[in-house]
Amino acid sequence: MSLRIGAEVAGIDAAAPLGPATREHIRERLRERAVLVFPGQAVTPAQLAAFARNFGPLQMNPNRRYHVEDCPEVLLVGNLRV
């Protein structure tokens, strides 16, 4: 068995609304590879949440310490102490 995880998805603007064909293309790649990278994106937390909602309802993390202000669906993740 060969498992290839991860793929780069180019040519998609995560800040813009997705059409049905683009949304399905991303879903197919996600089913195939489990992890997708969208390089070169410059999105606000609200745009990131809107992009993610294309693929289902978002879940809120109960640890509110790292929620982004005004966009609680997005968490700050990093390896630096705040």
N, C-alpha and C. Protein backbone atom coordinates (compact mmCIF):
# COMPACT_ATOMS: atom_id res chain seq x y z
N MET A 1 0.84 -1.17 0.00
CA MET A 1 0.00 0.00 0.00
C MET A 1 0.88 1.24 0.00
N SER A 2 0.55 2.20 -0.81
CA SER A 2 1.29 3.44 -0.89
C SER A 2 0.37 4.59 -0.49
N LEU A 3 0.80 5.37 0.46
CA LEU A 3 0.00 6.51 0.92
C LEU A 3 0.79 7.78 0.69
N ARG A 4 0.23 8.65 -0.12
CA ARG A 4 0.87 9.95 -0.34
C ARG A 4 -0.02 11.00 0.31
N ILE A 5 0.56 11.70 1.27
CA ILE A 5 -0.19 12.71 2.01
C ILE A 5 0.29 14.08 1.56
N GLY A 6 -0.66 14.98 1.36
CA GLY A 6 -0.33 16.36 1.08
C GLY A 6 -0.24 16.67 -0.40
N ALA A 7 -0.73 17.85 -0.72
CA ALA A 7 -0.63 18.36 -2.09
C ALA A 7 -0.74 19.87 -2.06
N GLU A 8 -0.09 20.50 -3.01
CA GLU A 8 -0.18 21.95 -3.18
C GLU A 8 -1.29 22.25 -4.17
N VAL A 9 -2.13 23.21 -3.83
CA VAL A 9 -3.22 23.63 -4.71
C VAL A 9 -2.91 25.05 -5.16
N ALA A 10 -2.71 25.22 -6.47
CA ALA A 10 -2.35 26.53 -7.01
C ALA A 10 -3.52 27.10 -7.81
N GLY A 11 -3.49 28.41 -8.00
CA GLY A 11 -4.48 29.06 -8.86
C GLY A 11 -5.82 29.31 -8.21
N ILE A 12 -5.88 29.21 -6.88
CA ILE A 12 -7.14 29.47 -6.18
C ILE A 12 -6.93 30.63 -5.23
N ASP A 13 -7.84 31.59 -5.27
CA ASP A 13 -7.80 32.74 -4.37
C ASP A 13 -8.74 32.45 -3.21
N ALA A 14 -8.17 32.14 -2.05
CA ALA A 14 -8.97 31.79 -0.88
C ALA A 14 -9.77 32.97 -0.33
N ALA A 15 -9.44 34.17 -0.77
CA ALA A 15 -10.18 35.36 -0.31
C ALA A 15 -11.43 35.61 -1.15
N ALA A 16 -11.54 34.94 -2.28
CA ALA A 16 -12.68 35.14 -3.18
C ALA A 16 -13.69 34.01 -3.01
N PRO A 17 -14.95 34.28 -3.34
CA PRO A 17 -15.95 33.20 -3.29
C PRO A 17 -15.58 32.07 -4.25
N LEU A 18 -15.88 30.84 -3.86
CA LEU A 18 -15.58 29.67 -4.69
C LEU A 18 -16.83 29.26 -5.47
N GLY A 19 -16.64 28.92 -6.72
CA GLY A 19 -17.73 28.37 -7.52
C GLY A 19 -17.89 26.90 -7.21
N PRO A 20 -19.00 26.31 -7.62
CA PRO A 20 -19.26 24.89 -7.34
C PRO A 20 -18.17 23.96 -7.89
N ALA A 21 -17.68 24.21 -9.08
CA ALA A 21 -16.67 23.33 -9.68
C ALA A 21 -15.35 23.41 -8.90
N THR A 22 -14.96 24.60 -8.50
CA THR A 22 -13.72 24.77 -7.73
C THR A 22 -13.86 24.11 -6.37
N ARG A 23 -15.00 24.30 -5.73
CA ARG A 23 -15.25 23.69 -4.42
C ARG A 23 -15.15 22.16 -4.53
N GLU A 24 -15.73 21.58 -5.56
CA GLU A 24 -15.67 20.12 -5.74
C GLU A 24 -14.25 19.66 -6.04
N HIS A 25 -13.51 20.42 -6.83
CA HIS A 25 -12.11 20.09 -7.13
C HIS A 25 -11.30 20.02 -5.83
N ILE A 26 -11.49 21.00 -4.95
CA ILE A 26 -10.77 21.01 -3.67
C ILE A 26 -11.19 19.82 -2.82
N ARG A 27 -12.47 19.53 -2.77
CA ARG A 27 -12.95 18.37 -2.00
C ARG A 27 -12.31 17.07 -2.51
N GLU A 28 -12.24 16.91 -3.82
CA GLU A 28 -11.63 15.70 -4.39
C GLU A 28 -10.16 15.59 -3.99
N ARG A 29 -9.41 16.68 -4.10
CA ARG A 29 -8.00 16.66 -3.71
C ARG A 29 -7.85 16.35 -2.23
N LEU A 30 -8.74 16.88 -1.41
CA LEU A 30 -8.67 16.63 0.03
C LEU A 30 -8.94 15.15 0.34
N ARG A 31 -9.89 14.56 -0.36
CA ARG A 31 -10.16 13.12 -0.18
C ARG A 31 -8.95 12.28 -0.59
N GLU A 32 -8.27 12.70 -1.64
CA GLU A 32 -7.12 11.95 -2.14
C GLU A 32 -5.89 12.11 -1.26
N ARG A 33 -5.65 13.32 -0.73
CA ARG A 33 -4.38 13.62 -0.09
C ARG A 33 -4.43 13.97 1.39
N ALA A 34 -5.59 14.22 1.93
CA ALA A 34 -5.81 14.50 3.36
C ALA A 34 -5.31 15.87 3.82
N VAL A 35 -4.26 16.38 3.24
CA VAL A 35 -3.71 17.69 3.62
C VAL A 35 -3.47 18.49 2.35
N LEU A 36 -3.95 19.73 2.34
CA LEU A 36 -3.74 20.61 1.19
C LEU A 36 -3.06 21.90 1.63
N VAL A 37 -2.16 22.39 0.79
CA VAL A 37 -1.47 23.65 1.04
C VAL A 37 -1.85 24.61 -0.07
N PHE A 38 -2.22 25.82 0.31
CA PHE A 38 -2.60 26.87 -0.64
C PHE A 38 -1.57 27.98 -0.51
N PRO A 39 -0.45 27.91 -1.24
CA PRO A 39 0.64 28.87 -1.05
C PRO A 39 0.27 30.27 -1.54
N GLY A 40 0.92 31.26 -0.93
CA GLY A 40 0.79 32.64 -1.38
C GLY A 40 -0.53 33.31 -1.07
N GLN A 41 -1.27 32.80 -0.11
CA GLN A 41 -2.56 33.39 0.22
C GLN A 41 -2.37 34.54 1.21
N ALA A 42 -3.09 35.61 0.99
CA ALA A 42 -3.13 36.74 1.92
C ALA A 42 -4.59 36.94 2.29
N VAL A 43 -5.02 36.30 3.37
CA VAL A 43 -6.42 36.35 3.76
C VAL A 43 -6.55 36.87 5.19
N THR A 44 -7.65 37.53 5.45
CA THR A 44 -7.95 37.95 6.81
C THR A 44 -8.55 36.75 7.55
N PRO A 45 -8.61 36.82 8.87
CA PRO A 45 -9.27 35.73 9.60
C PRO A 45 -10.71 35.50 9.13
N ALA A 46 -11.45 36.56 8.86
CA ALA A 46 -12.83 36.41 8.38
C ALA A 46 -12.87 35.72 7.02
N GLN A 47 -11.95 36.05 6.13
CA GLN A 47 -11.89 35.40 4.82
C GLN A 47 -11.51 33.93 4.95
N LEU A 48 -10.61 33.63 5.88
CA LEU A 48 -10.22 32.24 6.13
C LEU A 48 -11.42 31.43 6.62
N ALA A 49 -12.19 32.00 7.54
CA ALA A 49 -13.39 31.31 8.04
C ALA A 49 -14.40 31.12 6.92
N ALA A 50 -14.59 32.13 6.09
CA ALA A 50 -15.54 32.01 4.97
C ALA A 50 -15.09 30.92 4.00
N PHE A 51 -13.79 30.86 3.71
CA PHE A 51 -13.25 29.82 2.84
C PHE A 51 -13.52 28.44 3.44
N ALA A 52 -13.25 28.28 4.72
CA ALA A 52 -13.43 26.98 5.38
C ALA A 52 -14.90 26.56 5.41
N ARG A 53 -15.81 27.51 5.50
CA ARG A 53 -17.25 27.17 5.52
C ARG A 53 -17.72 26.53 4.21
N ASN A 54 -16.94 26.67 3.15
CA ASN A 54 -17.28 26.00 1.89
C ASN A 54 -17.29 24.49 2.05
N PHE A 55 -16.65 23.99 3.08
CA PHE A 55 -16.47 22.55 3.24
C PHE A 55 -17.19 21.98 4.46
N GLY A 56 -18.03 22.79 5.08
CA GLY A 56 -18.83 22.31 6.20
C GLY A 56 -18.86 23.32 7.33
N PRO A 57 -19.69 23.05 8.31
CA PRO A 57 -19.80 23.97 9.45
C PRO A 57 -18.50 23.98 10.26
N LEU A 58 -18.17 25.13 10.80
CA LEU A 58 -16.96 25.27 11.60
C LEU A 58 -17.27 24.94 13.06
N GLN A 59 -16.30 24.38 13.71
CA GLN A 59 -16.45 24.06 15.13
C GLN A 59 -15.65 25.06 15.96
N MET A 60 -16.23 25.47 17.06
CA MET A 60 -15.55 26.41 17.95
C MET A 60 -14.72 25.64 18.95
N ASN A 61 -13.49 26.05 19.14
CA ASN A 61 -12.63 25.46 20.15
C ASN A 61 -13.00 26.06 21.49
N PRO A 62 -13.18 25.23 22.52
CA PRO A 62 -13.58 25.78 23.82
C PRO A 62 -12.51 26.63 24.48
N ASN A 63 -11.25 26.50 24.08
CA ASN A 63 -10.18 27.31 24.65
C ASN A 63 -10.18 28.67 23.98
N ARG A 64 -10.85 29.60 24.55
CA ARG A 64 -11.02 30.93 23.95
C ARG A 64 -9.76 31.79 24.03
N ARG A 65 -8.77 31.34 24.73
CA ARG A 65 -7.54 32.13 24.89
C ARG A 65 -6.89 32.46 23.54
N TYR A 66 -6.99 31.57 22.59
CA TYR A 66 -6.29 31.76 21.32
C TYR A 66 -7.20 32.13 20.16
N HIS A 67 -8.47 32.41 20.44
CA HIS A 67 -9.37 32.85 19.37
C HIS A 67 -8.92 34.19 18.84
N VAL A 68 -9.11 34.40 17.56
CA VAL A 68 -8.84 35.70 16.95
C VAL A 68 -9.99 36.64 17.31
N GLU A 69 -9.65 37.81 17.79
CA GLU A 69 -10.68 38.78 18.16
C GLU A 69 -11.55 39.09 16.95
N ASP A 70 -12.84 39.15 17.14
CA ASP A 70 -13.84 39.41 16.10
C ASP A 70 -14.01 38.27 15.10
N CYS A 71 -13.30 37.15 15.30
CA CYS A 71 -13.46 35.99 14.42
C CYS A 71 -13.15 34.73 15.23
N PRO A 72 -14.03 34.36 16.16
CA PRO A 72 -13.73 33.27 17.08
C PRO A 72 -13.61 31.89 16.44
N GLU A 73 -13.97 31.76 15.17
CA GLU A 73 -13.82 30.47 14.50
C GLU A 73 -12.36 30.17 14.16
N VAL A 74 -11.52 31.20 14.23
CA VAL A 74 -10.11 31.07 13.86
C VAL A 74 -9.26 31.14 15.12
N LEU A 75 -8.31 30.21 15.24
CA LEU A 75 -7.38 30.20 16.37
C LEU A 75 -5.99 30.59 15.89
N LEU A 76 -5.27 31.27 16.75
CA LEU A 76 -3.87 31.55 16.48
C LEU A 76 -3.06 30.33 16.90
N VAL A 77 -2.23 29.81 16.02
CA VAL A 77 -1.41 28.65 16.31
C VAL A 77 0.03 29.00 15.97
N GLY A 78 0.93 28.71 16.86
CA GLY A 78 2.33 29.01 16.59
C GLY A 78 3.22 28.36 17.65
N ASN A 79 4.49 28.60 17.53
CA ASN A 79 5.42 28.02 18.49
C ASN A 79 6.15 29.11 19.29
N LEU A 80 5.61 30.31 19.32
CA LEU A 80 6.19 31.41 20.10
C LEU A 80 5.29 31.69 21.29
N ARG A 81 5.88 32.05 22.38
CA ARG A 81 5.09 32.41 23.57
C ARG A 81 4.50 33.80 23.37
N VAL A 82 3.24 33.95 23.78
CA VAL A 82 2.55 35.23 23.67
C VAL A 82 2.38 35.86 25.02
